[in-house]
Protein backbone atom coordinates (compact mmCIF):
# COMPACT_ATOMS: atom_id res chain seq x y z
CA MET A 1 -14.52 -2.76 6.72
CA ASP A 2 -15.92 -5.28 4.33
CA LEU A 3 -13.85 -6.43 1.37
CA ARG A 4 -15.82 -4.33 -1.12
CA GLN A 5 -15.11 -1.15 0.87
CA VAL A 6 -11.44 -2.10 1.23
CA LYS A 7 -11.06 -2.63 -2.51
CA ARG A 8 -12.86 0.62 -3.32
CA LEU A 9 -10.69 2.70 -0.98
CA ALA A 10 -7.43 0.99 -1.95
CA ARG A 11 -8.06 1.38 -5.67
CA ALA A 12 -9.11 5.00 -5.24
CA LEU A 13 -5.80 5.73 -3.51
CA MET A 14 -3.89 3.93 -6.27
CA ARG A 15 -5.68 6.05 -8.91
CA LEU A 16 -5.09 9.24 -6.94
CA HIS A 17 -1.35 8.58 -6.96
CA ARG A 18 -1.37 7.52 -10.61
CA LEU A 19 -0.39 3.89 -10.16
CA SER A 20 -1.79 2.85 -13.52
CA GLY A 21 -0.83 -0.67 -14.49
CA TRP A 22 -0.58 -1.72 -10.85
CA THR A 23 -2.85 -4.39 -9.42
CA LEU A 24 -4.28 -4.96 -5.97
CA GLU A 25 -4.20 -8.43 -4.44
CA PHE A 26 -5.07 -10.03 -1.12
CA GLU A 27 -3.22 -12.88 0.59
CA ASP A 28 -3.48 -14.78 3.81
CA GLY A 29 -0.59 -13.53 5.86
CA LEU A 30 -0.07 -12.84 9.50
CA ASP A 31 3.42 -11.39 9.16
CA PHE A 32 2.54 -8.35 7.03
CA LEU A 33 -0.13 -5.69 6.61
CA GLY A 34 0.79 -4.79 3.05
CA MET A 35 3.52 -5.42 0.50
CA CYS A 36 4.70 -3.70 -2.66
CA ASP A 37 6.25 -5.63 -5.55
CA ASP A 38 7.69 -3.23 -8.11
CA ARG A 39 9.45 -5.59 -10.50
CA LYS A 40 8.82 -4.72 -14.13
CA SER A 41 6.90 -7.95 -14.70
CA ARG A 42 4.80 -7.56 -11.54
CA GLN A 43 3.60 -4.28 -10.15
CA ILE A 44 1.39 -5.35 -7.28
CA ILE A 45 0.28 -4.02 -3.93
CA THR A 46 -0.83 -6.88 -1.70
CA LEU A 47 -2.85 -6.54 1.48
CA SER A 48 -3.23 -9.11 4.23
CA ASN A 49 -6.72 -10.61 4.42
CA GLN A 50 -6.45 -10.80 8.20
CA PHE A 51 -5.53 -7.12 8.46
CA THR A 52 -8.31 -5.93 6.18
CA GLU A 53 -10.93 -7.94 8.05
CA HIS A 54 -10.27 -5.93 11.21
CA CYS A 55 -9.10 -2.52 9.98
CA ASP A 56 -10.83 0.80 9.85
CA ALA A 57 -10.62 3.30 6.99
CA SER A 58 -7.88 5.33 8.68
CA SER A 59 -5.63 2.30 9.23
CA LEU A 60 -6.21 1.02 5.70
CA THR A 61 -5.44 4.44 4.23
CA ASP A 62 -2.15 4.65 6.13
CA VAL A 63 -1.06 1.14 5.09
CA MET A 64 -2.01 1.80 1.47
CA LEU A 65 -0.12 5.11 1.43
CA HIS A 66 2.88 3.31 2.98
CA GLU A 67 2.84 0.83 0.09
CA ILE A 68 2.11 3.51 -2.50
CA ALA A 69 5.20 5.40 -1.30
CA HIS A 70 7.23 2.24 -1.99
CA ALA A 71 5.68 2.04 -5.46
CA LEU A 72 6.45 5.68 -6.21
CA VAL A 73 10.10 5.65 -5.13
CA GLY A 74 10.92 1.98 -5.77
CA ASN A 75 11.61 -0.76 -3.28
CA ARG A 76 15.35 -0.15 -3.64
CA HIS A 77 14.87 2.70 -1.15
CA SER A 78 13.46 0.28 1.43
CA HIS A 79 12.45 2.32 4.50
CA GLY A 80 15.22 4.90 4.04
CA LYS A 81 15.07 8.67 3.91
CA VAL A 82 13.84 8.89 0.28
CA TRP A 83 10.90 6.61 1.10
CA LYS A 84 10.20 8.43 4.39
CA ALA A 85 10.11 11.78 2.58
CA LYS A 86 7.64 10.38 0.04
CA CYS A 87 5.48 9.01 2.88
CA ARG A 88 5.30 12.41 4.49
CA GLU A 89 4.60 14.08 1.12
CA ILE A 90 1.58 11.86 0.39
CA GLY A 91 0.27 11.83 3.97
CA ALA A 92 1.43 8.47 5.36
CA SER A 93 3.12 7.77 8.68
CA PRO A 94 6.71 6.85 7.79
CA TYR A 95 7.00 3.85 10.05
CA ALA A 96 8.93 0.79 8.96
């Protein structure tokens, strides 16, 4: 997917799950696909540039929903049962 398509899909998913006030960023990183920062001063979902360069829409959707689940329940739940339940509820694979 090209970057424009990635941004469009990611932002659409953020709107769908009512993450108003959240931003989407991209970073060079080989050790992550996506990250969620839910501190009050920074509400950001970050995607790896390297991942997005080689992903398809299905993979991007799953990673975004993974991060959206973190945003919805808070990072304090890490990859525990509350987060896993939210993943399943919104259609993500609850992998850690």
